[in-house]
Amino acid sequence: MNAVYRQLQISKQAVYQSKKRQHSLNSKWYDLQGKIDAIRKNHPGCGVEKMYHMLKPDFMGRDKFIDTCLDFGYRVKRKKNYRKTTRASKEYYPNLIQGLQITRPNEVWQSDITYFPINGEHYFGVFIIDVYSKKIVGYNIANHMLALANVQALKQALRRNKSPTYHHSDRGSQYASKIYTQLLEKNNVRISMGLIAQENAYAERFHRTIKEEYLDHWKPQSYTELRSCVNKALRNYNNTRLHNNIHRKTPINFEREWESSLHKPILTIFEYQ
């Protein structure tokens, strides 16, 4: 072997050091894989770049981490095309938040309804998101599309959080129902509605996240399992999932840091012409 080393113009010591570094790298990677698998268990649709920022490995850069994860089969598969659930009401309110600049949690909430098909049955989820912090403040899973499900989600949100300045939704009949609008008005919340899906973009985006990153992987097989999976997904979403739009923080940590921060980030609501 010494003759081979001389032919290649490398030293035996250099070969030994190279093997030692590779062994160390392999050991660190396999330890890191355990942490990656733990993240995927709780956030099964989490992308590899987001996992890099969650783990922040000190021995591997972002691009190398992404390439290695993809080589080891950690690519996320996505489903597409989810059914719409909006039944437009003849009663509606104007869009009050378009282009609005907000600087605090509980300034603007958005809500929307989505559906979950399970074994030939359809169940419905109502979610309310704080636009500023991205926290899910209230939700309800139901086997119907009655306004009662929306009211229950709203009551939960109001019970756990300060009343928002604005509540925004699409023009679905549930949001225009008398019982829902009266609850908002009772809490001095201004009612805002959008005409197209893009005007309710924050809530729409969350629906993609909970389906693509959680439920499509856990595959609940019953109404009971669905409720359990959604509860787990929301707990992970609010407490441990990093969000790029809030400086790679979790919604809970973002709100905590906002309280003591001297610089309050400004968010401008999407504006569509």
Protein backbone atom coordinates (compact mmCIF):
# COMPACT_ATOMS: atom_id res chain seq x y z
CA MET A 1 0.00 0.00 0.00
CA ASN A 2 2.91 2.33 0.64
CA ALA A 3 3.83 2.09 -3.05
CA VAL A 4 0.24 3.02 -3.98
CA TYR A 5 0.36 6.02 -1.66
CA ARG A 6 3.63 7.16 -3.24
CA GLN A 7 2.16 6.72 -6.74
CA LEU A 8 -0.87 8.85 -5.79
CA GLN A 9 1.38 11.34 -4.00
CA ILE A 10 -0.55 11.11 -0.75
CA SER A 11 0.61 10.08 2.69
CA LYS A 12 -0.61 7.18 4.76
CA GLN A 13 -1.44 9.69 7.48
CA ALA A 14 -3.64 11.69 5.08
CA VAL A 15 -5.58 8.55 4.13
CA TYR A 16 -6.04 7.70 7.80
CA GLN A 17 -7.27 11.21 8.61
CA SER A 18 -9.67 11.12 5.65
CA LYS A 19 -11.17 7.82 6.81
CA LYS A 20 -11.46 9.20 10.34
CA ARG A 21 -13.29 12.32 9.12
CA GLN A 22 -15.65 10.21 6.97
CA HIS A 23 -16.37 7.89 9.89
CA SER A 24 -17.15 10.91 12.09
CA LEU A 25 -19.37 12.41 9.39
CA ASN A 26 -21.25 9.12 8.95
CA SER A 27 -21.75 8.83 12.69
CA LYS A 28 -23.09 12.39 12.94
CA TRP A 29 -25.40 11.83 9.97
CA TYR A 30 -26.90 8.65 11.40
CA ASP A 31 -27.47 10.43 14.71
CA LEU A 32 -29.11 13.27 12.77
CA GLN A 33 -31.35 10.81 10.94
CA GLY A 34 -32.96 9.88 14.24
CA LYS A 35 -33.88 13.53 14.76
CA ILE A 36 -35.13 13.82 11.16
CA ASP A 37 -37.34 10.76 11.66
CA ALA A 38 -38.70 12.27 14.89
CA ILE A 39 -39.64 15.48 13.05
CA ARG A 40 -41.29 13.51 10.26
CA LYS A 41 -43.31 11.56 12.82
CA ASN A 42 -44.87 14.76 14.17
CA HIS A 43 -44.70 16.77 10.91
CA PRO A 44 -44.84 14.10 8.18
CA GLY A 45 -45.08 16.62 5.35
CA CYS A 46 -42.28 18.88 6.56
CA GLY A 47 -39.94 19.79 3.70
CA VAL A 48 -36.23 19.07 3.98
CA GLU A 49 -35.19 22.74 3.89
CA LYS A 50 -37.49 23.50 6.82
CA MET A 51 -36.03 20.53 8.70
CA TYR A 52 -32.56 21.97 8.17
CA HIS A 53 -33.58 25.20 9.89
CA MET A 54 -35.22 23.24 12.71
CA LEU A 55 -32.15 21.07 13.34
CA LYS A 56 -29.33 23.48 12.37
CA PRO A 57 -26.62 20.79 12.10
CA ASP A 58 -23.16 22.24 12.74
CA PHE A 59 -21.34 19.77 10.49
CA MET A 60 -23.35 20.19 7.29
CA GLY A 61 -24.52 23.16 5.22
CA ARG A 62 -28.04 23.65 3.92
CA ASP A 63 -27.46 22.47 0.34
CA LYS A 64 -25.55 19.37 1.45
CA PHE A 65 -28.27 18.59 3.99
CA ILE A 66 -31.00 18.88 1.35
CA ASP A 67 -29.10 16.74 -1.17
CA THR A 68 -28.36 14.08 1.44
CA CYS A 69 -31.97 13.97 2.64
CA LEU A 70 -33.22 13.57 -0.92
CA ASP A 71 -30.69 10.80 -1.53
CA PHE A 72 -32.04 9.01 1.54
CA GLY A 73 -35.64 9.26 0.32
CA TYR A 74 -36.97 12.15 2.40
CA ARG A 75 -38.64 13.88 -0.54
CA VAL A 76 -42.26 14.87 0.23
CA LYS A 77 -45.00 13.87 -2.20
CA ARG A 78 -47.90 16.27 -2.57
CA LYS A 79 -51.52 15.76 -3.54
CA LYS A 80 -53.34 18.38 -5.56
CA ASN A 81 -56.82 19.73 -6.23
CA TYR A 82 -59.10 19.89 -3.23
CA ARG A 83 -62.81 20.50 -3.55
CA LYS A 84 -64.29 23.87 -2.70
CA THR A 85 -66.90 24.09 0.04
CA THR A 86 -68.23 27.65 -0.33
CA ARG A 87 -71.96 28.20 -0.74
CA ALA A 88 -72.29 31.90 -1.41
CA SER A 89 -74.78 33.90 0.58
CA LYS A 90 -76.90 36.72 -0.78
CA GLU A 91 -75.91 38.69 2.33
CA TYR A 92 -72.31 39.81 2.44
CA TYR A 93 -69.93 42.45 3.76
CA PRO A 94 -67.21 44.40 1.91
CA ASN A 95 -63.53 43.51 2.08
CA LEU A 96 -62.12 45.76 4.83
CA ILE A 97 -58.62 44.28 5.08
CA GLN A 98 -57.24 44.41 1.54
CA GLY A 99 -53.91 46.25 1.64
CA LEU A 100 -54.22 46.78 5.40
CA GLN A 101 -50.97 47.03 7.38
CA ILE A 102 -51.08 45.14 10.68
CA THR A 103 -48.55 45.06 13.51
CA ARG A 104 -49.95 42.77 16.20
CA PRO A 105 -51.68 39.46 16.91
CA ASN A 106 -55.48 39.49 17.16
CA GLU A 107 -55.80 42.30 14.68
CA VAL A 108 -57.07 40.22 11.75
CA TRP A 109 -58.47 36.70 11.87
CA GLN A 110 -59.33 34.77 8.72
CA SER A 111 -61.59 31.75 8.56
CA ASP A 112 -62.53 29.19 5.95
CA ILE A 113 -64.13 25.76 5.62
CA THR A 114 -62.50 22.71 4.06
CA TYR A 115 -63.56 19.10 3.66
CA PHE A 116 -61.98 15.73 4.44
CA PRO A 117 -63.09 12.65 2.44
CA ILE A 118 -62.81 9.41 4.45
CA ASN A 119 -64.06 6.05 3.22
CA GLY A 120 -66.87 7.53 1.14
CA GLU A 121 -67.94 10.01 3.82
CA HIS A 122 -67.21 13.73 3.92
CA TYR A 123 -66.35 15.66 7.05
CA PHE A 124 -65.77 19.37 7.38
CA GLY A 125 -63.24 21.50 9.17
CA VAL A 126 -63.63 25.14 10.18
CA PHE A 127 -60.35 26.88 11.01
CA ILE A 128 -59.64 30.42 12.18
CA ILE A 129 -56.12 31.74 11.71
CA ASP A 130 -54.48 34.83 13.15
CA VAL A 131 -53.08 36.46 10.01
CA TYR A 132 -50.22 38.18 11.83
CA SER A 133 -48.83 35.32 13.94
CA LYS A 134 -50.14 32.42 11.79
CA LYS A 135 -51.54 30.77 14.93
CA ILE A 136 -54.72 28.75 14.63
CA VAL A 137 -56.90 30.38 17.26
CA GLY A 138 -60.03 28.26 16.88
CA TYR A 139 -61.34 25.27 14.96
CA ASN A 140 -64.11 22.70 14.73
CA ILE A 141 -64.47 19.34 12.96
CA ALA A 142 -68.02 18.38 12.01
CA ASN A 143 -70.00 15.94 9.87
CA HIS A 144 -72.14 18.76 8.47
CA MET A 145 -71.78 22.23 6.92
CA LEU A 146 -74.21 24.03 9.19
CA ALA A 147 -73.30 27.43 10.66
CA LEU A 148 -73.25 25.82 14.10
CA ALA A 149 -69.79 24.37 13.37
CA ASN A 150 -68.47 27.84 12.51
CA VAL A 151 -70.03 29.32 15.64
CA GLN A 152 -68.38 26.69 17.82
CA ALA A 153 -64.98 27.43 16.26
CA LEU A 154 -65.49 31.16 16.77
CA LYS A 155 -66.57 30.75 20.39
CA GLN A 156 -63.45 28.69 21.06
CA ALA A 157 -61.25 31.38 19.46
CA LEU A 158 -62.88 34.19 21.44
CA ARG A 159 -62.61 32.21 24.67
CA ARG A 160 -58.88 31.58 24.23
CA ASN A 161 -57.79 34.89 22.71
CA LYS A 162 -58.50 38.60 22.68
CA SER A 163 -61.20 39.64 20.24
CA PRO A 164 -59.74 40.69 16.88
CA THR A 165 -60.33 44.03 15.22
CA TYR A 166 -61.37 42.31 11.99
CA HIS A 167 -62.83 38.92 11.13
CA HIS A 168 -62.43 38.07 7.44
CA SER A 169 -63.88 35.16 5.48
CA ASP A 170 -65.33 34.30 2.10
CA ARG A 171 -69.01 34.95 1.40
CA GLY A 172 -70.15 31.52 2.51
CA SER A 173 -73.64 31.36 3.95
CA GLN A 174 -72.30 30.12 7.30
CA TYR A 175 -70.32 33.33 7.83
CA ALA A 176 -73.26 35.52 6.86
CA SER A 177 -75.67 33.70 9.16
CA LYS A 178 -77.37 35.80 11.79
CA ILE A 179 -76.03 33.79 14.73
CA TYR A 180 -72.44 34.14 13.49
CA THR A 181 -72.52 37.84 12.65
CA GLN A 182 -74.28 38.67 15.91
CA LEU A 183 -71.52 36.92 17.86
CA LEU A 184 -68.91 39.02 16.05
CA GLU A 185 -70.82 42.25 16.58
CA LYS A 186 -71.33 41.43 20.26
CA ASN A 187 -67.53 41.29 20.62
CA ASN A 188 -67.02 44.55 18.65
CA VAL A 189 -65.40 42.77 15.72
CA ARG A 190 -65.63 44.36 12.29
CA ILE A 191 -66.85 41.92 9.64
CA SER A 192 -64.97 41.65 6.34
CA MET A 193 -65.55 39.31 3.40
CA GLY A 194 -63.76 38.51 0.17
CA LEU A 195 -65.25 37.72 -3.21
CA ILE A 196 -62.54 35.37 -4.54
CA ALA A 197 -60.28 32.73 -2.95
CA GLN A 198 -57.18 34.94 -3.20
CA GLU A 199 -58.81 37.41 -0.82
CA ASN A 200 -58.88 34.66 1.80
CA ALA A 201 -55.36 33.45 1.03
CA TYR A 202 -54.04 32.93 4.56
CA ALA A 203 -56.82 30.54 5.54
CA GLU A 204 -56.68 28.79 2.16
CA ARG A 205 -52.93 28.25 2.55
CA PHE A 206 -53.42 26.70 5.97
CA HIS A 207 -55.81 24.14 4.49
CA ARG A 208 -53.10 22.99 2.11
CA THR A 209 -50.63 22.76 4.97
CA ILE A 210 -52.75 20.64 7.30
CA LYS A 211 -53.65 18.26 4.47
CA GLU A 212 -50.32 18.01 2.67
CA GLU A 213 -48.04 18.05 5.70
CA TYR A 214 -50.12 16.05 8.15
CA LEU A 215 -53.38 14.31 7.23
CA ASP A 216 -52.29 12.95 3.83
CA HIS A 217 -49.56 11.08 5.68
CA TRP A 218 -51.46 9.96 8.78
CA LYS A 219 -54.49 8.87 6.70
CA PRO A 220 -57.26 8.86 9.36
CA GLN A 221 -59.87 6.18 8.67
CA SER A 222 -62.80 7.42 10.73
CA TYR A 223 -64.39 10.55 12.12
CA THR A 224 -62.86 9.83 15.53
CA GLU A 225 -59.39 9.37 14.03
CA LEU A 226 -59.80 12.54 11.98
CA ARG A 227 -60.59 14.61 15.06
CA SER A 228 -57.61 13.12 16.89
CA CYS A 229 -55.25 13.72 13.95
CA VAL A 230 -56.42 17.31 13.47
CA ASN A 231 -55.94 18.03 17.15
CA LYS A 232 -52.40 16.65 17.01
CA ALA A 233 -51.63 18.51 13.77
CA LEU A 234 -52.77 21.84 15.20
CA ARG A 235 -50.76 21.32 18.37
CA ASN A 236 -47.64 20.65 16.27
CA TYR A 237 -48.45 23.46 13.85
CA ASN A 238 -48.78 26.09 16.57
CA ASN A 239 -46.00 24.92 18.85
CA THR A 240 -43.20 23.28 16.86
CA ARG A 241 -43.60 23.92 13.13
CA LEU A 242 -41.37 26.74 11.84
CA HIS A 243 -43.04 29.32 9.59
CA ASN A 244 -40.98 31.17 7.02
CA ASN A 245 -43.30 34.19 7.07
CA ILE A 246 -42.66 34.83 10.77
CA HIS A 247 -38.86 34.58 10.60
CA ARG A 248 -38.73 30.79 10.97
CA LYS A 249 -40.41 30.80 14.34
CA THR A 250 -43.40 28.89 15.64
CA PRO A 251 -46.62 30.93 16.05
CA ILE A 252 -46.49 30.52 19.83
CA ASN A 253 -42.86 31.65 20.09
CA PHE A 254 -43.47 34.49 17.64
CA GLU A 255 -46.29 35.86 19.81
CA ARG A 256 -44.19 35.51 22.98
CA GLU A 257 -41.25 37.34 21.42
CA TRP A 258 -43.56 39.99 19.97
CA GLU A 259 -44.65 40.96 23.48
CA SER A 260 -41.12 42.00 24.51
CA SER A 261 -39.83 43.14 21.12
CA LEU A 262 -39.18 46.83 20.52
CA HIS A 263 -39.45 46.33 16.76
CA LYS A 264 -42.90 45.16 15.70
CA PRO A 265 -42.86 43.63 12.19
CA ILE A 266 -45.35 45.12 9.75
CA LEU A 267 -47.45 42.79 7.61
CA THR A 268 -49.38 44.12 4.63
CA ILE A 269 -52.45 42.07 3.72
CA PHE A 270 -52.45 40.77 0.17
CA GLU A 271 -54.07 43.24 -2.18
CA TYR A 272 -55.73 42.07 -5.40
CA GLN A 273 -56.87 44.44 -8.11
